[in-house]
Amino acid sequence: MNDANHAVAAIAAAIGDPSRARILYSLLDDRARTATELAAVAEIAASTASAHLNRLTRARLLELQRQGRHRYYRLAGAEVARALERLSVLAGASRPRSAAKAPDRLRAARTCYDHIAGVLGVALHDRLRRLEWLSSRYTVTSKGELAFEKLGIDLGRARQARRGFAFACLDWTERRSHLGGALGSEILRLALARSWVMRDADSRALAVTNRGRREMQACFGLDSQITSALASF
């Protein structure tokens, strides 16, 4: 087995424990959490959580951040989040689409690391493509440059980020793509700043506000059926 195969096997083994998987998926909201909080999420003892966290950190799936006396863990980057989301799709691949198991509020709108996923995320992705703000290669068109600037989205910051600018991220519940990358992160930043969505305190769910439904329909031309569906979740 060559070095690349060893590396893949080591990462798969690190993910492949139910407690470690719960820890990883609890961090998909791009928040940092303490070992105590993660032990509670995984429903394991603190000593067991410590061993799991050390292994996930060694596998470069988590990174440790120190702030004073406190130690926080978070996902090691957007690529880790993207891989976890795709594993969720793979795990449910044998089920019909209508059987995707997720609470309604998570299916409606949620964070996938630092961008919008769920029904809302897929709808925004599709509209950006149909409006021709994004090309088939996920570059911003001249039309998109003007539109994003008008919305107040900082394309310069997105382009300077040390990560992919924009890409299709396969959605766990919808089995279609939402927008990932630095541009997706900027859109989430805008949605939060304008109170289009609000973060759930205890999960990855995003609550779509009445203002959000109204203004996103105006800004992106979201289908009225989509905005109505978001209101009913």
Protein backbone atom coordinates (compact mmCIF):
# COMPACT_ATOMS: atom_id res chain seq x y z
CA MET A 1 0.00 0.00 0.00
CA ASN A 2 1.48 3.36 -1.01
CA ASP A 3 1.61 6.47 1.17
CA ALA A 4 -1.57 7.96 -0.32
CA ASN A 5 -3.53 4.79 0.41
CA HIS A 6 -2.20 4.71 3.96
CA ALA A 7 -3.29 8.33 4.45
CA VAL A 8 -6.80 7.65 3.11
CA ALA A 9 -7.13 4.56 5.29
CA ALA A 10 -6.01 6.51 8.38
CA ILE A 11 -8.58 9.26 7.76
CA ALA A 12 -11.34 6.73 7.12
CA ALA A 13 -10.46 4.88 10.33
CA ALA A 14 -10.50 8.13 12.29
CA ILE A 15 -13.98 8.99 11.03
CA GLY A 16 -15.23 5.43 11.28
CA ASP A 17 -16.19 5.40 14.94
CA PRO A 18 -19.75 6.47 15.90
CA SER A 19 -18.58 8.74 18.71
CA ARG A 20 -15.94 10.41 16.57
CA ALA A 21 -18.46 10.80 13.76
CA ARG A 22 -20.90 12.53 16.12
CA ILE A 23 -18.13 14.88 17.22
CA LEU A 24 -17.25 15.76 13.63
CA TYR A 25 -20.82 16.33 12.50
CA SER A 26 -21.55 18.50 15.53
CA LEU A 27 -18.85 20.88 14.30
CA LEU A 28 -20.29 21.31 10.81
CA ASP A 29 -21.80 24.62 11.89
CA ASP A 30 -18.27 26.15 11.89
CA ARG A 31 -18.38 26.79 15.63
CA ALA A 32 -15.60 25.86 18.03
CA ARG A 33 -16.48 23.74 21.06
CA THR A 34 -14.70 22.56 24.17
CA ALA A 35 -13.84 18.94 24.94
CA THR A 36 -16.53 18.96 27.64
CA GLU A 37 -19.18 20.10 25.16
CA LEU A 38 -18.10 17.52 22.60
CA ALA A 39 -18.12 14.74 25.20
CA ALA A 40 -21.75 15.65 25.93
CA VAL A 41 -22.60 15.65 22.22
CA ALA A 42 -21.05 12.20 21.77
CA GLU A 43 -22.49 10.96 25.07
CA ILE A 44 -19.13 9.65 26.26
CA ALA A 45 -16.86 10.19 29.26
CA ALA A 46 -14.44 13.10 29.26
CA SER A 47 -11.42 10.77 29.20
CA THR A 48 -12.81 8.92 26.18
CA ALA A 49 -13.57 12.19 24.42
CA SER A 50 -10.00 13.33 24.99
CA ALA A 51 -8.64 10.22 23.27
CA HIS A 52 -11.04 10.68 20.34
CA LEU A 53 -10.18 14.35 19.98
CA ASN A 54 -6.47 13.60 19.97
CA ARG A 55 -6.96 11.05 17.21
CA LEU A 56 -9.09 13.39 15.11
CA THR A 57 -6.52 16.14 15.54
CA ARG A 58 -3.66 13.84 14.53
CA ALA A 59 -5.66 12.89 11.43
CA ARG A 60 -5.93 16.61 10.60
CA LEU A 61 -9.70 16.52 10.74
CA LEU A 62 -9.84 18.85 13.74
CA GLU A 63 -7.71 21.76 14.83
CA LEU A 64 -7.15 22.88 18.38
CA GLN A 65 -7.44 26.55 19.30
CA ARG A 66 -6.27 27.92 22.65
CA GLN A 67 -7.77 31.05 24.15
CA GLY A 68 -6.36 31.78 27.56
CA ARG A 69 -6.96 28.71 29.72
CA HIS A 70 -9.62 27.40 27.36
CA ARG A 71 -9.14 24.88 24.56
CA TYR A 72 -11.52 24.72 21.65
CA TYR A 73 -11.87 22.27 18.79
CA ARG A 74 -13.21 22.97 15.32
CA LEU A 75 -13.08 21.34 11.89
CA ALA A 76 -9.70 21.71 10.22
CA GLY A 77 -11.17 23.43 7.18
CA ALA A 78 -13.81 23.64 4.50
CA GLU A 79 -12.51 20.53 2.73
CA VAL A 80 -13.19 18.44 5.85
CA ALA A 81 -16.73 19.81 5.99
CA ARG A 82 -17.25 19.10 2.32
CA ALA A 83 -16.08 15.51 2.74
CA LEU A 84 -18.42 14.99 5.71
CA GLU A 85 -21.39 16.35 3.76
CA ARG A 86 -20.62 14.01 0.88
CA LEU A 87 -20.31 11.07 3.24
CA SER A 88 -23.82 11.89 4.47
CA VAL A 89 -25.04 11.70 0.87
CA LEU A 90 -23.22 8.41 0.35
CA ALA A 91 -24.66 6.96 3.55
CA GLY A 92 -28.17 7.68 2.28
CA ALA A 93 -27.54 6.91 -1.36
CA SER A 94 -29.57 3.69 -1.32
CA ARG A 95 -32.68 5.48 -0.02
CA PRO A 96 -35.16 7.26 -2.28
CA ARG A 97 -34.78 11.03 -2.24
CA SER A 98 -38.04 11.53 -0.41
CA ALA A 99 -36.75 9.42 2.45
CA ALA A 100 -33.84 11.71 3.36
CA LYS A 101 -33.94 11.71 7.14
CA ALA A 102 -33.45 15.14 8.66
CA PRO A 103 -35.52 17.39 10.90
CA ASP A 104 -37.60 19.84 8.84
CA ARG A 105 -35.71 22.85 10.14
CA LEU A 106 -32.39 21.33 9.03
CA ARG A 107 -33.75 20.43 5.63
CA ALA A 108 -35.15 23.94 5.08
CA ALA A 109 -31.90 25.79 5.72
CA ARG A 110 -28.71 24.98 7.59
CA THR A 111 -25.03 25.70 7.57
CA CYS A 112 -22.63 23.38 5.80
CA TYR A 113 -19.47 24.63 7.53
CA ASP A 114 -19.66 28.32 6.51
CA HIS A 115 -22.16 28.36 3.65
CA ILE A 116 -25.90 27.80 3.24
CA ALA A 117 -27.26 24.31 2.61
CA GLY A 118 -30.68 22.68 2.47
CA VAL A 119 -33.66 23.80 0.38
CA LEU A 120 -32.57 27.43 0.62
CA GLY A 121 -28.96 26.70 -0.30
CA VAL A 122 -29.94 24.67 -3.37
CA ALA A 123 -32.45 27.32 -4.48
CA LEU A 124 -29.83 30.09 -4.20
CA HIS A 125 -27.29 28.00 -6.13
CA ASP A 126 -29.76 27.39 -8.94
CA ARG A 127 -30.81 31.04 -9.15
CA LEU A 128 -27.21 32.30 -9.32
CA ARG A 129 -26.63 29.99 -12.27
CA ARG A 130 -29.90 30.88 -14.02
CA LEU A 131 -29.32 34.61 -13.52
CA GLU A 132 -25.90 34.08 -15.16
CA TRP A 133 -24.11 35.62 -12.21
CA LEU A 134 -22.00 32.45 -12.10
CA SER A 135 -20.61 30.62 -15.11
CA SER A 136 -20.65 26.85 -15.57
CA ARG A 137 -17.11 26.87 -14.14
CA TYR A 138 -18.22 28.82 -11.06
CA THR A 139 -16.47 32.03 -12.00
CA VAL A 140 -18.33 35.33 -11.56
CA THR A 141 -19.54 36.82 -14.84
CA SER A 142 -19.46 40.55 -15.62
CA LYS A 143 -23.19 40.59 -14.88
CA GLY A 144 -22.50 38.88 -11.58
CA GLU A 145 -19.75 41.34 -10.65
CA LEU A 146 -22.23 44.20 -10.79
CA ALA A 147 -24.99 42.28 -9.03
CA PHE A 148 -22.81 41.03 -6.16
CA GLU A 149 -21.31 44.50 -5.70
CA LYS A 150 -24.81 45.98 -5.50
CA LEU A 151 -25.72 43.44 -2.81
CA GLY A 152 -22.62 44.37 -0.82
CA ILE A 153 -20.80 41.06 -1.25
CA ASP A 154 -17.02 41.45 -1.00
CA LEU A 155 -15.71 39.50 -4.00
CA GLY A 156 -12.17 40.73 -3.35
CA ARG A 157 -12.12 39.14 0.10
CA ALA A 158 -13.56 35.93 -1.32
CA ARG A 159 -10.90 35.76 -4.02
CA GLN A 160 -8.09 36.34 -1.53
CA ALA A 161 -9.22 33.51 0.73
CA ARG A 162 -6.88 30.51 0.86
CA ARG A 163 -9.52 28.10 -0.40
CA GLY A 164 -11.71 27.42 -3.41
CA PHE A 165 -13.54 30.53 -4.58
CA ALA A 166 -16.81 28.81 -5.53
CA PHE A 167 -17.88 25.26 -6.27
CA ALA A 168 -20.86 22.92 -6.27
CA CYS A 169 -21.21 21.16 -2.91
CA LEU A 170 -23.51 18.15 -3.03
CA ASP A 171 -26.33 18.62 -0.52
CA TRP A 172 -27.03 15.82 1.95
CA THR A 173 -30.82 16.18 2.13
CA GLU A 174 -31.62 17.52 -1.34
CA ARG A 175 -29.18 15.37 -3.36
CA ARG A 176 -28.46 18.42 -5.48
CA SER A 177 -25.78 21.10 -5.28
CA HIS A 178 -25.61 24.14 -3.07
CA LEU A 179 -22.88 26.77 -3.36
CA GLY A 180 -19.69 26.14 -1.42
CA GLY A 181 -16.40 27.98 -1.19
CA ALA A 182 -15.45 31.50 -0.21
CA LEU A 183 -18.29 33.01 -2.25
CA GLY A 184 -20.80 30.80 -0.46
CA SER A 185 -19.32 32.02 2.83
CA GLU A 186 -19.78 35.65 1.79
CA ILE A 187 -23.43 35.01 0.93
CA LEU A 188 -24.04 33.48 4.37
CA ARG A 189 -22.27 36.47 5.94
CA LEU A 190 -24.62 38.80 4.03
CA ALA A 191 -27.71 36.77 4.96
CA LEU A 192 -26.82 36.95 8.64
CA ALA A 193 -25.93 40.64 8.53
CA ARG A 194 -29.25 41.50 6.88
CA SER A 195 -31.21 39.21 9.20
CA TRP A 196 -32.42 37.08 6.29
CA VAL A 197 -31.55 34.07 8.41
CA MET A 198 -30.81 33.51 12.09
CA ARG A 199 -28.60 30.83 13.57
CA ASP A 200 -30.11 28.18 15.81
CA ALA A 201 -28.36 28.13 19.17
CA ASP A 202 -28.12 24.34 19.39
CA SER A 203 -27.82 23.04 15.82
CA ARG A 204 -26.79 23.85 12.28
CA ALA A 205 -30.31 25.02 11.44
CA LEU A 206 -30.89 28.48 10.02
CA ALA A 207 -34.28 30.08 10.61
CA VAL A 208 -35.40 32.00 7.52
CA THR A 209 -37.08 35.23 8.62
CA ASN A 210 -40.08 36.91 7.01
CA ARG A 211 -37.72 39.68 5.95
CA GLY A 212 -35.38 37.09 4.48
CA ARG A 213 -38.09 35.44 2.41
CA ARG A 214 -39.25 38.82 1.13
CA GLU A 215 -35.84 40.31 0.37
CA MET A 216 -34.24 37.15 -1.06
CA GLN A 217 -37.18 36.82 -3.42
CA ALA A 218 -36.60 40.43 -4.50
CA CYS A 219 -32.78 40.13 -4.76
CA PHE A 220 -32.49 36.71 -6.38
CA GLY A 221 -35.94 36.10 -7.83
CA LEU A 222 -36.47 33.00 -5.73
CA ASP A 223 -39.54 31.10 -6.81
CA SER A 224 -42.57 31.99 -4.68
CA GLN A 225 -43.16 28.27 -4.15
CA ILE A 226 -39.72 28.01 -2.56
CA THR A 227 -40.26 30.95 -0.23
CA SER A 228 -43.69 29.60 0.71
CA ALA A 229 -42.18 26.20 1.41
CA LEU A 230 -39.54 27.75 3.66
CA ALA A 231 -42.27 29.45 5.64
CA SER A 232 -44.02 26.12 6.21
CA PHE A 233 -40.98 24.19 7.52
